[in-house]
Amino acid sequence: MFNDLVTGFPLTITNSPSLSRAAKVSTQSFHSNPLRQWLTRFSLSLGLSLVSTFSAIPALGAERITFFVSPFGQFNIGIEDLEIFAKDGTMTRQFAYYANFATPTQLAALRILLNSRFNISPRYVYLFTRLPVGKTLLRRLGNVIKADFNRNGFYPLRGALVSAASDPEGLSVINVLRKFSLETIYLDVELISDVTDELSRLFVVNDVVFSAIKNRAQLQGEGSTSFNFSAQADLRNSGGIGWRKETFEVYNSERQASFPVDIYLPRSSDQGAIRGSIPTLVISHGLASDRNTFAYLAKHLASYGFAVAVPEHIGTSSERINQIFAGFATPLNPTAIIHRPLDVKYLLDELSAKANSDPSKFGRLNLEEVGVIGQSFGGYTVLALGGAKLNFEQLTSECDAARQNNLSLDVSLLLQCRGTQLPPEDYNLGDERVKAVIAVNPLSNPIFGEAGMSQIQVPVMMVSSIRDIFAPPVEQQITPFSWLTTPENYLVVTEAGTHFSYLGGAGEGVLPVPPELIGPDPAIARPYLMALSTAFFKTYIAKQPQYASYLSESYVKEISQDPLNLFLIQSLQENQLK
């Protein structure tokens, strides 16, 4: 939908010292027709600001929206006009005036948006808008969507969201408009342009960078040996080795609490099973997930002879988030940033102890050369374990700038900024036993920054999704990938992928995720991760170099399916991004 909304706009992207932080979008017709240019921006913002902030949907007024454009004066549009348009596409005279400044594609997208409904519990909406991240997002939107020209719209926005979610008709744009407590909402048109720039940084720039990476990957593919798919095993299929699942508890002395672990152990009696030491992997789930989220991946890797341990990070698991939303727990503690990598370190210590106490089950595990894979907050976790250092100076600087910019909508930055509440110590989060890292949609910038990412000295595969609005790819994966200094690194970019493309199931979690945010069927993407993680860990953990041929653009081209096409590159310099 985002692409549809910007289609047809004459956009230019200005260059700057830091593409990921300073990209701007402007219309070329600004000076030639300022009223038309502003109305175009209004149309763009009307759609995009709603899409990008999902629960903060209302951007119109209860009976009307009012905005002032100097020197042209005050403009109004009624909610009834929007309801009529949403119902059957009919345009009233007043609506037609504004529609004249938009493209048919934009109007179609707006109508879809107005008719969208989000099935979210009113309790979740209520509690989310009272959590620090929810309140921050609403206050920033309230700077644009105001109760009057001088008053932030935070309270009527929050009330309208909760009231609409409680209504039998549910949380929809139109219903939020009906529930707004004021007759008029005032739009700050001067800030709308800034919102557009902020959204362009999070979205439009992704397309520009993705296009360059796509071209680079294709050039690399043309210059390399083609992958003979028919002569090689299809790593998307099971490896054929049986496995058994064990569950146990690990005690984390840092916070004096235990957490559960599932471990998938390959059966040594099966044909093709590894006879010597068993290569060991750890999977770290993301925020509001649990150890079942990547069970599909653990089972697949176990079928190729890996022992796969999957801890549950109790401070950030789905159970914990449910407790927060139910009112039985306090908001996320910033110490989770430290505890997550420590969970894995304590897990490896526990497995070493079990290897001595129960050698028949655990004695063959190779715990000196371990591979780790994580998604989202789990991606942060495994990068820290692989040697990335927390960069408090960079984090503090970026978070201070975000606080001054009351329009920042980067949710990943809000989460990372929790780290500024930690004492700025030299935390020892890396583990020398970790020898290879796969980070899927990770949070990594600015919590590590260039100084922290450059400390990683093991092979890294970074998996990025171009339509990820929760861990924006240019900010959180592509730019940080350019900071890696070792030669054995891979950037895998998923066209049309989202933050949910690689999760088990259909985006299940604490909150029901609308299909528009899940994106194309994750059943397409999961086999990608199964195949690439098998090849990566076979190469760098199991020490079987014959699998390296799978880590190529020619291979990902073979397994790609529309619309979730894959592209892979092995090098990227920061100056190439600029």
Protein backbone atom coordinates (compact mmCIF):
# COMPACT_ATOMS: atom_id res chain seq x y z
CA MET A 1 0.00 0.00 0.00
CA PHE A 2 2.88 2.37 0.75
CA ASN A 3 4.21 2.06 -2.78
CA ASP A 4 0.76 2.74 -4.18
CA LEU A 5 0.47 5.89 -2.13
CA VAL A 6 3.71 7.37 -3.44
CA THR A 7 3.25 6.24 -7.03
CA GLY A 8 3.05 9.19 -9.36
CA PHE A 9 4.77 11.68 -7.08
CA PRO A 10 7.82 13.50 -8.54
CA LEU A 11 10.17 12.62 -5.68
CA THR A 12 13.81 13.52 -5.22
CA ILE A 13 16.02 12.19 -2.45
CA THR A 14 18.73 14.51 -1.19
CA ASN A 15 22.16 13.11 -0.41
CA SER A 16 23.66 13.64 3.02
CA PRO A 17 26.55 12.45 5.20
CA SER A 18 24.32 9.76 6.69
CA LEU A 19 21.72 8.33 4.36
CA SER A 20 20.01 6.32 7.10
CA ARG A 21 19.46 9.31 9.37
CA ALA A 22 19.08 12.29 7.07
CA ALA A 23 17.28 11.20 3.91
CA LYS A 24 14.62 13.69 2.86
CA VAL A 25 11.85 13.60 0.29
CA SER A 26 10.49 16.70 -1.38
CA THR A 27 8.22 17.40 -4.33
CA GLN A 28 9.76 19.10 -7.31
CA SER A 29 6.68 21.26 -7.79
CA PHE A 30 6.94 22.96 -4.41
CA HIS A 31 7.90 26.42 -5.67
CA SER A 32 5.73 26.33 -8.76
CA ASN A 33 2.47 25.65 -6.92
CA PRO A 34 2.69 25.77 -3.11
CA LEU A 35 -1.02 25.13 -2.45
CA ARG A 36 -1.14 22.12 -4.74
CA GLN A 37 2.16 20.86 -3.29
CA TRP A 38 0.85 21.16 0.24
CA LEU A 39 -2.41 19.41 -0.56
CA THR A 40 -0.42 16.62 -2.20
CA ARG A 41 1.62 16.27 0.96
CA PHE A 42 -1.58 16.32 2.96
CA SER A 43 -2.95 13.42 0.92
CA LEU A 44 0.28 11.50 1.33
CA SER A 45 0.46 12.11 5.04
CA LEU A 46 -3.21 11.27 5.51
CA GLY A 47 -2.56 7.76 4.24
CA LEU A 48 1.02 7.11 5.32
CA SER A 49 0.92 8.36 8.86
CA LEU A 50 -2.00 6.03 9.50
CA VAL A 51 -0.45 2.97 7.88
CA SER A 52 2.88 3.37 9.64
CA THR A 53 1.53 3.65 13.16
CA PHE A 54 -1.21 1.08 13.06
CA SER A 55 -3.03 1.52 16.30
CA ALA A 56 -2.64 5.31 16.13
CA ILE A 57 -5.00 5.39 13.20
CA PRO A 58 -7.16 8.51 13.48
CA ALA A 59 -5.89 11.44 11.44
CA LEU A 60 -9.19 13.18 10.67
CA GLY A 61 -11.93 14.83 12.78
CA ALA A 62 -15.15 13.79 14.56
CA GLU A 63 -17.29 16.05 12.40
CA ARG A 64 -14.62 17.85 10.46
CA ILE A 65 -10.93 18.36 10.12
CA THR A 66 -9.60 21.88 9.99
CA PHE A 67 -6.22 23.05 8.79
CA PHE A 68 -4.73 26.44 8.06
CA VAL A 69 -2.47 27.09 5.08
CA SER A 70 -0.75 30.44 4.97
CA PRO A 71 -1.47 32.64 3.06
CA PHE A 72 -4.52 30.81 1.67
CA GLY A 73 -6.52 30.57 4.88
CA GLN A 74 -8.48 27.85 6.62
CA PHE A 75 -9.78 24.64 5.02
CA ASN A 76 -12.31 22.07 6.25
CA ILE A 77 -13.49 18.60 5.29
CA GLY A 78 -16.31 16.68 7.01
CA ILE A 79 -16.29 13.17 8.38
CA GLU A 80 -19.61 12.48 6.61
CA ASP A 81 -17.90 13.14 3.28
CA LEU A 82 -15.26 10.56 4.17
CA GLU A 83 -17.86 8.02 5.30
CA ILE A 84 -19.74 8.34 2.01
CA PHE A 85 -16.53 7.93 0.07
CA ALA A 86 -15.48 4.91 2.16
CA LYS A 87 -18.85 3.20 1.71
CA ASP A 88 -19.16 3.15 -2.08
CA GLY A 89 -16.58 5.52 -3.53
CA THR A 90 -19.04 8.38 -4.00
CA MET A 91 -17.48 11.81 -3.74
CA THR A 92 -19.42 14.69 -2.31
CA ARG A 93 -18.77 18.14 -3.71
CA GLN A 94 -16.54 19.04 -0.79
CA PHE A 95 -14.55 15.79 -0.97
CA ALA A 96 -14.19 16.08 -4.75
CA TYR A 97 -12.40 19.40 -4.29
CA TYR A 98 -9.63 17.71 -2.31
CA ALA A 99 -9.69 14.55 -4.42
CA ASN A 100 -8.74 16.69 -7.40
CA PHE A 101 -5.27 17.02 -5.88
CA ALA A 102 -4.71 13.25 -5.46
CA THR A 103 -4.08 10.42 -7.90
CA PRO A 104 -6.59 7.59 -8.44
CA THR A 105 -4.13 5.19 -6.80
CA GLN A 106 -3.94 7.35 -3.69
CA LEU A 107 -7.71 7.63 -3.47
CA ALA A 108 -8.10 3.87 -3.82
CA ALA A 109 -5.53 3.32 -1.07
CA LEU A 110 -7.29 5.85 1.17
CA ARG A 111 -10.63 4.08 0.68
CA ILE A 112 -9.06 0.72 1.59
CA LEU A 113 -7.56 2.31 4.68
CA LEU A 114 -10.84 3.91 5.75
CA ASN A 115 -12.57 0.52 5.53
CA SER A 116 -9.81 -1.44 7.32
CA ARG A 117 -10.69 -3.01 10.66
CA PHE A 118 -8.25 -4.18 13.34
CA ASN A 119 -9.46 -6.92 15.66
CA ILE A 120 -7.61 -5.90 18.81
CA SER A 121 -8.92 -6.26 22.35
CA PRO A 122 -9.91 -2.93 23.96
CA ARG A 123 -7.90 -4.00 27.01
CA TYR A 124 -4.76 -4.28 24.87
CA VAL A 125 -5.43 -0.92 23.24
CA TYR A 126 -6.03 0.67 26.64
CA LEU A 127 -2.85 -0.75 28.16
CA PHE A 128 -0.68 -0.12 25.09
CA THR A 129 -1.60 3.56 25.11
CA ARG A 130 -0.44 3.69 28.73
CA LEU A 131 2.89 1.95 28.19
CA PRO A 132 5.91 4.25 27.63
CA VAL A 133 6.23 3.35 23.92
CA GLY A 134 2.49 3.82 23.30
CA LYS A 135 2.35 7.14 25.08
CA THR A 136 5.41 8.38 23.22
CA LEU A 137 3.96 7.49 19.83
CA LEU A 138 0.59 9.08 20.65
CA ARG A 139 2.20 12.28 21.93
CA ARG A 140 4.22 12.56 18.75
CA LEU A 141 1.15 12.06 16.61
CA GLY A 142 -0.66 14.53 18.83
CA ASN A 143 1.79 17.22 17.74
CA VAL A 144 0.30 16.93 14.25
CA ILE A 145 -3.27 15.84 15.04
CA LYS A 146 -4.32 18.43 17.61
CA ALA A 147 -7.25 19.16 19.85
CA ASP A 148 -6.94 22.77 18.68
CA PHE A 149 -4.21 24.73 16.97
CA ASN A 150 -2.29 25.06 20.25
CA ARG A 151 -3.12 21.82 22.09
CA ASN A 152 -1.64 18.33 21.61
CA GLY A 153 -4.20 15.72 20.53
CA PHE A 154 -2.87 12.98 22.83
CA TYR A 155 -5.94 12.58 25.08
CA PRO A 156 -8.69 12.63 22.43
CA LEU A 157 -6.58 10.28 20.28
CA ARG A 158 -6.20 7.82 23.14
CA GLY A 159 -9.86 8.03 24.09
CA ALA A 160 -11.01 7.49 20.49
CA LEU A 161 -8.81 4.41 20.08
CA VAL A 162 -10.05 2.75 23.26
CA SER A 163 -13.68 3.66 22.62
CA ALA A 164 -13.59 2.36 19.04
CA ALA A 165 -11.93 -0.90 20.12
CA SER A 166 -14.71 -1.38 22.70
CA ASP A 167 -17.48 -0.77 20.15
CA PRO A 168 -19.17 -3.78 18.44
CA GLU A 169 -18.05 -2.37 15.08
CA GLY A 170 -14.45 -2.60 16.23
CA LEU A 171 -11.31 -0.56 15.71
CA SER A 172 -11.54 0.98 12.26
CA VAL A 173 -10.56 4.37 10.90
CA ILE A 174 -14.16 5.45 10.41
CA ASN A 175 -15.18 4.25 13.87
CA VAL A 176 -12.27 6.07 15.49
CA LEU A 177 -13.45 9.22 13.74
CA ARG A 178 -16.94 8.70 15.13
CA LYS A 179 -15.58 8.21 18.65
CA PHE A 180 -13.37 11.27 18.68
CA SER A 181 -14.44 13.38 21.63
CA LEU A 182 -14.16 16.75 19.87
CA GLU A 183 -16.19 18.07 16.98
CA THR A 184 -13.09 19.32 15.17
CA ILE A 185 -9.55 18.07 14.83
CA TYR A 186 -6.87 20.53 13.86
CA LEU A 187 -4.00 19.43 11.65
CA ASP A 188 -0.67 21.21 12.04
CA VAL A 189 0.21 21.48 8.35
CA GLU A 190 3.72 22.73 9.01
CA LEU A 191 4.53 19.49 10.82
CA ILE A 192 2.82 17.29 8.23
CA SER A 193 5.77 17.88 5.90
CA ASP A 194 8.12 16.75 8.68
CA VAL A 195 6.01 13.63 9.21
CA THR A 196 6.28 12.89 5.50
CA ASP A 197 10.06 13.28 5.70
CA GLU A 198 10.21 10.99 8.73
CA LEU A 199 8.09 8.37 7.00
CA SER A 200 10.17 8.67 3.85
CA ARG A 201 13.26 7.97 5.93
CA LEU A 202 11.65 4.82 7.26
CA PHE A 203 10.08 3.65 3.97
CA VAL A 204 10.91 5.41 0.72
CA VAL A 205 14.68 5.29 1.29
CA ASN A 206 14.35 1.52 1.73
CA ASP A 207 13.22 1.24 -1.88
CA VAL A 208 16.15 3.28 -3.16
CA VAL A 209 18.70 1.26 -1.21
CA PHE A 210 16.99 -2.02 -2.06
CA SER A 211 17.16 -1.19 -5.76
CA ALA A 212 20.91 -0.62 -5.49
CA ILE A 213 21.43 -3.86 -3.54
CA LYS A 214 19.31 -5.78 -6.04
CA ASN A 215 21.46 -4.50 -8.90
CA ARG A 216 24.65 -5.29 -7.02
CA ALA A 217 23.45 -8.81 -6.20
CA GLN A 218 22.52 -9.46 -9.81
CA LEU A 219 25.91 -8.27 -11.01
CA GLN A 220 27.65 -10.52 -8.49
CA GLY A 221 25.46 -13.41 -9.59
CA GLU A 222 26.35 -12.89 -13.25
CA GLY A 223 30.04 -12.96 -12.42
CA SER A 224 29.91 -16.17 -10.34
CA THR A 225 29.45 -19.84 -11.13
CA SER A 226 25.82 -20.81 -11.56
CA PHE A 227 24.38 -23.05 -8.87
CA ASN A 228 23.58 -26.50 -10.27
CA PHE A 229 20.38 -26.96 -8.32
CA SER A 230 19.49 -30.35 -9.80
CA ALA A 231 22.81 -31.85 -8.71
CA GLN A 232 22.61 -30.65 -5.09
CA ALA A 233 20.45 -31.54 -2.10
CA ASP A 234 17.48 -29.25 -1.56
CA LEU A 235 18.20 -27.79 1.89
CA ARG A 236 14.60 -26.67 2.21
CA ASN A 237 13.70 -30.31 2.75
CA SER A 238 14.36 -32.29 5.93
CA GLY A 239 17.84 -33.70 6.36
CA GLY A 240 16.40 -37.08 7.27
CA ILE A 241 17.95 -37.45 10.74
CA GLY A 242 15.52 -38.12 13.57
CA TRP A 243 15.56 -36.10 16.77
CA ARG A 244 14.14 -36.00 20.26
CA LYS A 245 13.13 -32.99 22.34
CA GLU A 246 14.21 -32.40 25.93
CA THR A 247 13.03 -29.57 28.20
CA PHE A 248 14.90 -28.31 31.26
CA GLU A 249 15.36 -25.20 33.39
CA VAL A 250 18.42 -22.94 33.56
CA TYR A 251 19.14 -20.68 36.52
CA ASN A 252 20.27 -17.14 35.67
CA SER A 253 22.15 -15.94 38.74
CA GLU A 254 22.28 -12.37 37.41
CA ARG A 255 18.57 -11.92 38.07
CA GLN A 256 18.07 -14.93 40.36
CA ALA A 257 15.46 -16.53 38.15
CA SER A 258 15.09 -19.68 36.08
CA PHE A 259 14.03 -19.92 32.47
CA PRO A 260 12.90 -22.92 30.39
CA VAL A 261 14.86 -24.37 27.48
CA ASP A 262 13.86 -26.80 24.74
CA ILE A 263 16.69 -28.71 23.11
CA TYR A 264 16.34 -30.77 19.96
CA LEU A 265 18.89 -33.57 19.93
CA PRO A 266 19.62 -35.56 16.75
CA ARG A 267 19.48 -39.33 17.15
CA SER A 268 22.90 -40.86 16.60
CA SER A 269 21.38 -44.17 15.49
CA ASP A 270 19.83 -42.71 12.31
CA GLN A 271 21.46 -43.11 8.94
CA GLY A 272 23.53 -40.06 8.09
CA ALA A 273 23.81 -38.97 11.72
CA ILE A 274 27.05 -37.35 12.82
CA ARG A 275 29.31 -39.86 14.53
CA GLY A 276 31.74 -37.53 16.27
CA SER A 277 30.94 -34.43 18.29
CA ILE A 278 27.56 -32.84 17.58
CA PRO A 279 27.58 -29.22 16.36
CA THR A 280 25.44 -27.06 18.63
CA LEU A 281 23.22 -24.08 17.89
CA VAL A 282 21.09 -21.68 19.96
CA ILE A 283 17.98 -19.83 18.73
CA SER A 284 16.97 -16.55 20.43
CA HIS A 285 13.34 -15.47 19.90
CA GLY A 286 12.18 -11.85 19.64
CA LEU A 287 10.12 -9.60 21.85
CA ALA A 288 6.63 -11.01 22.61
CA SER A 289 7.58 -14.41 21.16
CA ASP A 290 8.60 -17.63 22.89
CA ARG A 291 10.56 -20.82 22.36
CA ASN A 292 7.82 -22.21 20.10
CA THR A 293 8.12 -19.40 17.55
CA PHE A 294 11.11 -20.97 15.83
CA ALA A 295 10.38 -24.59 16.65
CA TYR A 296 10.00 -25.20 12.91
CA LEU A 297 13.59 -24.05 12.37
CA ALA A 298 14.98 -26.00 15.33
CA LYS A 299 13.41 -29.22 14.06
CA HIS A 300 14.76 -28.62 10.57
CA LEU A 301 18.31 -27.99 11.78
CA ALA A 302 18.15 -31.02 14.06
CA SER A 303 17.28 -33.13 11.02
CA TYR A 304 20.68 -32.13 9.61
CA GLY A 305 22.56 -33.30 12.70
CA PHE A 306 22.66 -30.14 14.81
CA ALA A 307 21.74 -30.01 18.48
CA VAL A 308 19.50 -26.94 18.75
CA ALA A 309 18.77 -25.27 22.10
CA VAL A 310 15.92 -22.74 22.28
CA PRO A 311 15.72 -20.72 25.51
CA GLU A 312 12.71 -18.67 26.56
CA HIS A 313 13.73 -15.13 27.48
CA ILE A 314 11.27 -14.74 30.35
CA GLY A 315 11.68 -10.97 30.66
CA THR A 316 10.56 -10.33 27.09
CA SER A 317 8.56 -13.42 26.17
CA SER A 318 4.93 -13.54 25.03
CA GLU A 319 3.92 -14.65 28.53
CA ARG A 320 5.61 -11.61 30.05
CA ILE A 321 3.99 -9.22 27.56
CA ASN A 322 0.61 -10.81 28.27
CA GLN A 323 1.18 -10.18 31.97
CA ILE A 324 2.00 -6.53 31.22
CA PHE A 325 -1.16 -6.10 29.15
CA ALA A 326 -3.19 -7.86 31.85
CA GLY A 327 -1.84 -5.42 34.42
CA PHE A 328 0.08 -8.05 36.40
CA ALA A 329 3.58 -6.88 35.50
CA THR A 330 5.43 -3.60 35.09
CA PRO A 331 6.64 -2.40 31.66
CA LEU A 332 9.79 -3.91 30.19
CA ASN A 333 12.87 -3.39 32.29
CA PRO A 334 15.93 -2.03 30.43
CA THR A 335 17.98 -4.77 32.10
CA ALA A 336 16.45 -7.15 29.51
CA ILE A 337 19.09 -5.76 27.15
CA ILE A 338 21.73 -7.31 29.40
CA HIS A 339 19.84 -10.40 30.54
CA ARG A 340 19.11 -11.75 27.07
CA PRO A 341 22.73 -12.45 26.06
CA LEU A 342 23.41 -13.65 29.59
CA ASP A 343 20.54 -16.17 29.21
CA VAL A 344 22.45 -17.78 26.36
CA LYS A 345 25.77 -17.71 28.23
CA TYR A 346 24.18 -19.39 31.25
CA LEU A 347 22.54 -21.89 28.92
CA LEU A 348 25.90 -22.85 27.41
CA ASP A 349 27.35 -23.19 30.93
CA GLU A 350 24.43 -25.42 31.90
CA LEU A 351 24.94 -27.61 28.84
CA SER A 352 28.60 -27.98 29.74
CA ALA A 353 27.57 -29.09 33.23
CA LYS A 354 25.08 -31.56 31.77
CA ALA A 355 27.75 -32.94 29.45
CA ASN A 356 29.66 -33.98 32.59
CA SER A 357 26.68 -35.13 34.67
CA ASP A 358 24.71 -36.85 31.90
CA PRO A 359 27.20 -37.76 29.15
CA SER A 360 24.84 -40.26 27.50
CA LYS A 361 22.56 -37.36 26.45
CA PHE A 362 24.80 -34.34 26.30
CA GLY A 363 28.37 -35.63 26.31
CA ARG A 364 28.89 -35.32 22.55
CA LEU A 365 27.77 -31.69 22.21
CA ASN A 366 30.45 -29.44 20.80
CA LEU A 367 30.13 -26.43 23.09
CA GLU A 368 33.36 -24.73 22.06
CA GLU A 369 32.15 -23.78 18.55
CA VAL A 370 28.53 -22.72 18.79
CA GLY A 371 26.29 -21.04 16.22
CA VAL A 372 23.54 -18.62 17.25
CA ILE A 373 20.51 -17.32 15.38
CA GLY A 374 18.01 -14.70 16.55
CA GLN A 375 15.18 -12.56 15.25
CA SER A 376 14.39 -8.92 16.11
CA PHE A 377 15.35 -8.44 19.78
CA GLY A 378 16.83 -11.92 19.44
CA GLY A 379 18.86 -10.57 16.52
CA TYR A 380 20.30 -7.95 18.86
CA THR A 381 20.99 -10.76 21.35
CA VAL A 382 23.04 -12.89 18.97
CA LEU A 383 25.00 -9.93 17.61
CA ALA A 384 25.99 -9.09 21.20
CA LEU A 385 27.01 -12.71 21.77
CA GLY A 386 29.06 -12.58 18.57
CA GLY A 387 31.13 -9.68 19.87
CA ALA A 388 29.20 -6.46 19.13
CA LYS A 389 29.78 -3.95 21.93
CA LEU A 390 27.15 -1.69 23.47
CA ASN A 391 27.87 1.87 22.38
CA PHE A 392 26.43 4.09 25.09
CA GLU A 393 27.88 7.29 23.65
CA GLN A 394 26.20 6.71 20.28
CA LEU A 395 22.99 5.48 21.90
CA THR A 396 22.70 8.51 24.18
CA SER A 397 23.36 10.90 21.30
CA GLU A 398 20.75 9.31 19.01
CA CYS A 399 18.14 9.03 21.76
CA ASP A 400 18.62 12.64 22.82
CA ALA A 401 18.10 13.70 19.20
CA ALA A 402 14.96 11.53 18.97
CA ARG A 403 13.52 13.12 22.11
CA GLN A 404 14.06 16.57 20.59
CA ASN A 405 12.43 15.38 17.36
CA ASN A 406 8.87 14.97 18.58
CA LEU A 407 7.87 13.36 15.27
CA SER A 408 10.17 10.32 15.33
CA LEU A 409 8.09 7.18 14.69
CA ASP A 410 10.93 4.61 14.78
CA VAL A 411 9.65 1.98 17.22
CA SER A 412 12.97 0.11 17.16
CA LEU A 413 14.75 3.24 18.35
CA LEU A 414 12.28 3.69 21.20
CA LEU A 415 13.06 0.15 22.38
CA GLN A 416 16.82 0.62 22.12
CA CYS A 417 16.62 3.92 23.98
CA ARG A 418 15.58 1.95 27.06
CA GLY A 419 19.29 1.14 27.22
CA THR A 420 20.14 4.72 28.19
CA GLN A 421 18.71 3.89 31.62
CA LEU A 422 21.48 1.33 32.19
CA PRO A 423 24.72 2.31 33.89
CA PRO A 424 27.17 2.90 31.01
CA GLU A 425 29.51 0.08 31.92
CA ASP A 426 31.63 -2.22 29.76
CA TYR A 427 29.23 -5.16 29.83
CA ASN A 428 30.80 -8.47 28.84
CA LEU A 429 28.01 -9.83 26.65
CA GLY A 430 30.12 -11.59 24.04
CA ASP A 431 30.95 -15.27 24.31
CA GLU A 432 34.10 -16.79 22.82
CA ARG A 433 32.23 -20.04 22.26
CA VAL A 434 30.06 -18.33 19.62
CA LYS A 435 31.70 -18.80 16.22
CA ALA A 436 28.95 -17.84 13.76
CA VAL A 437 25.87 -15.57 13.89
CA ILE A 438 22.63 -15.24 11.91
CA ALA A 439 20.66 -12.10 12.78
CA VAL A 440 17.14 -11.88 11.29
CA ASN A 441 15.52 -8.40 11.32
CA PRO A 442 17.80 -7.42 14.22
CA LEU A 443 17.86 -4.22 16.26
CA SER A 444 21.46 -3.03 16.06
CA ASN A 445 21.66 0.72 15.51
CA PRO A 446 22.39 2.87 17.47
CA ILE A 447 22.72 0.43 20.38
CA PHE A 448 25.93 -0.87 18.79
CA GLY A 449 26.68 1.73 16.16
CA GLU A 450 29.70 1.42 13.90
CA ALA A 451 32.15 1.17 16.80
CA GLY A 452 30.23 -1.73 18.34
CA MET A 453 29.44 -3.67 15.15
CA SER A 454 33.05 -3.50 13.95
CA GLN A 455 34.08 -5.56 16.99
CA ILE A 456 32.46 -8.71 15.61
CA GLN A 457 35.14 -11.13 14.41
CA VAL A 458 33.03 -14.16 13.42
CA PRO A 459 31.03 -14.86 10.24
CA VAL A 460 27.68 -13.07 10.17
CA MET A 461 24.58 -13.49 8.05
CA MET A 462 22.21 -10.52 8.26
CA VAL A 463 18.65 -11.14 7.03
CA SER A 464 16.62 -8.04 6.21
CA SER A 465 13.03 -7.45 5.09
CA ILE A 466 12.33 -4.40 2.95
CA ARG A 467 8.79 -3.83 4.33
CA ASP A 468 9.82 -4.12 7.98
CA ILE A 469 8.35 -1.12 9.84
CA PHE A 470 9.43 -2.35 13.29
CA ALA A 471 13.16 -2.77 12.55
CA PRO A 472 13.65 -0.52 9.48
CA PRO A 473 16.09 -2.33 7.20
CA VAL A 474 18.37 0.53 6.17
CA GLU A 475 18.73 1.70 9.75
CA GLN A 476 18.92 -1.61 11.55
CA GLN A 477 20.47 -4.12 9.15
CA ILE A 478 21.85 -2.76 5.89
CA THR A 479 23.90 0.13 7.27
CA PRO A 480 25.17 -1.98 10.24
CA PHE A 481 26.16 -4.72 7.76
CA SER A 482 28.46 -2.21 6.05
CA TRP A 483 30.27 -1.77 9.38
CA LEU A 484 31.32 -5.41 9.64
CA THR A 485 35.06 -5.78 9.11
CA THR A 486 35.56 -9.53 8.53
CA PRO A 487 35.31 -11.05 5.01
CA GLU A 488 32.91 -13.93 5.73
CA ASN A 489 29.64 -12.00 5.90
CA TYR A 490 26.35 -12.21 4.00
CA LEU A 491 23.47 -9.77 3.61
CA VAL A 492 20.21 -11.40 2.55
CA VAL A 493 17.46 -8.96 1.57
CA THR A 494 13.84 -10.11 1.31
CA GLU A 495 11.78 -8.15 -1.21
CA ALA A 496 8.26 -7.42 0.14
CA GLY A 497 9.24 -9.11 3.43
CA THR A 498 8.04 -7.77 6.78
CA HIS A 499 9.00 -8.16 10.42
CA PHE A 500 6.77 -11.24 10.56
CA SER A 501 7.86 -13.04 7.40
CA TYR A 502 10.14 -15.56 9.14
CA LEU A 503 8.07 -16.25 12.26
CA GLY A 504 6.48 -19.63 12.83
CA GLY A 505 2.74 -19.82 12.21
CA ALA A 506 0.90 -16.89 10.67
CA GLY A 507 2.21 -14.00 12.77
CA GLU A 508 0.64 -15.25 15.98
CA GLY A 509 1.66 -13.52 19.18
CA VAL A 510 0.36 -11.41 22.03
CA LEU A 511 -1.46 -9.04 19.71
CA PRO A 512 -3.33 -10.18 16.59
CA VAL A 513 -1.34 -8.80 13.66
CA PRO A 514 -3.35 -7.45 10.73
CA PRO A 515 -2.67 -9.27 7.45
CA GLU A 516 -1.39 -6.02 5.92
CA LEU A 517 1.46 -6.00 8.44
CA ILE A 518 2.23 -9.71 8.12
CA GLY A 519 2.64 -9.26 4.39
CA PRO A 520 2.92 -12.13 1.90
CA ASP A 521 2.44 -15.67 3.21
CA PRO A 522 5.30 -16.49 5.65
CA ALA A 523 5.10 -20.08 4.42
CA ILE A 524 7.09 -18.82 1.42
CA ALA A 525 9.86 -17.29 3.53
CA ARG A 526 10.35 -19.92 6.24
CA PRO A 527 11.98 -22.45 3.86
CA TYR A 528 14.46 -19.73 2.88
CA LEU A 529 15.64 -19.44 6.46
CA MET A 530 15.68 -23.20 6.86
CA ALA A 531 17.91 -23.64 3.82
CA LEU A 532 20.26 -20.69 4.38
CA SER A 533 20.79 -21.38 8.09
CA THR A 534 21.55 -25.03 7.31
CA ALA A 535 24.14 -24.03 4.69
CA PHE A 536 25.64 -21.29 6.88
CA PHE A 537 26.05 -23.43 9.98
CA LYS A 538 27.16 -26.48 8.01
CA THR A 539 29.92 -24.28 6.56
CA TYR A 540 31.05 -22.41 9.68
CA ILE A 541 30.05 -24.62 12.64
CA ALA A 542 30.03 -28.18 11.26
CA LYS A 543 33.12 -27.33 9.14
CA GLN A 544 31.74 -28.80 5.92
CA PRO A 545 32.93 -26.32 3.24
CA GLN A 546 31.02 -28.07 0.46
CA TYR A 547 27.92 -26.23 1.71
CA ALA A 548 29.45 -22.81 0.98
CA SER A 549 28.14 -22.95 -2.61
CA TYR A 550 24.63 -22.49 -1.19
CA LEU A 551 25.66 -19.12 0.26
CA SER A 552 25.46 -17.35 -3.07
CA GLU A 553 23.22 -15.12 -5.14
CA SER A 554 22.78 -17.89 -7.69
CA TYR A 555 21.36 -20.20 -5.01
CA VAL A 556 18.95 -17.68 -3.48
CA LYS A 557 17.78 -16.85 -7.00
CA GLU A 558 16.97 -20.54 -7.51
CA ILE A 559 14.83 -20.83 -4.38
CA SER A 560 13.14 -17.40 -4.53
CA GLN A 561 9.41 -17.18 -5.13
CA ASP A 562 7.32 -14.13 -5.92
CA PRO A 563 6.62 -11.87 -4.16
CA LEU A 564 9.21 -12.69 -1.48
CA ASN A 565 12.26 -12.71 -3.73
CA LEU A 566 15.71 -12.96 -2.15
CA PHE A 567 18.91 -11.13 -2.99
CA LEU A 568 22.31 -11.82 -1.45
CA ILE A 569 25.52 -9.80 -1.39
CA GLN A 570 28.74 -10.48 0.49
CA SER A 571 30.20 -7.00 0.74
CA LEU A 572 28.92 -3.47 1.14
CA GLN A 573 30.83 -0.33 2.02
CA GLU A 574 29.27 2.57 3.87
CA ASN A 575 30.36 5.01 1.18
CA GLN A 576 28.36 2.95 -1.32
CA LEU A 577 25.24 3.59 0.76
CA LYS A 578 25.89 7.32 0.72
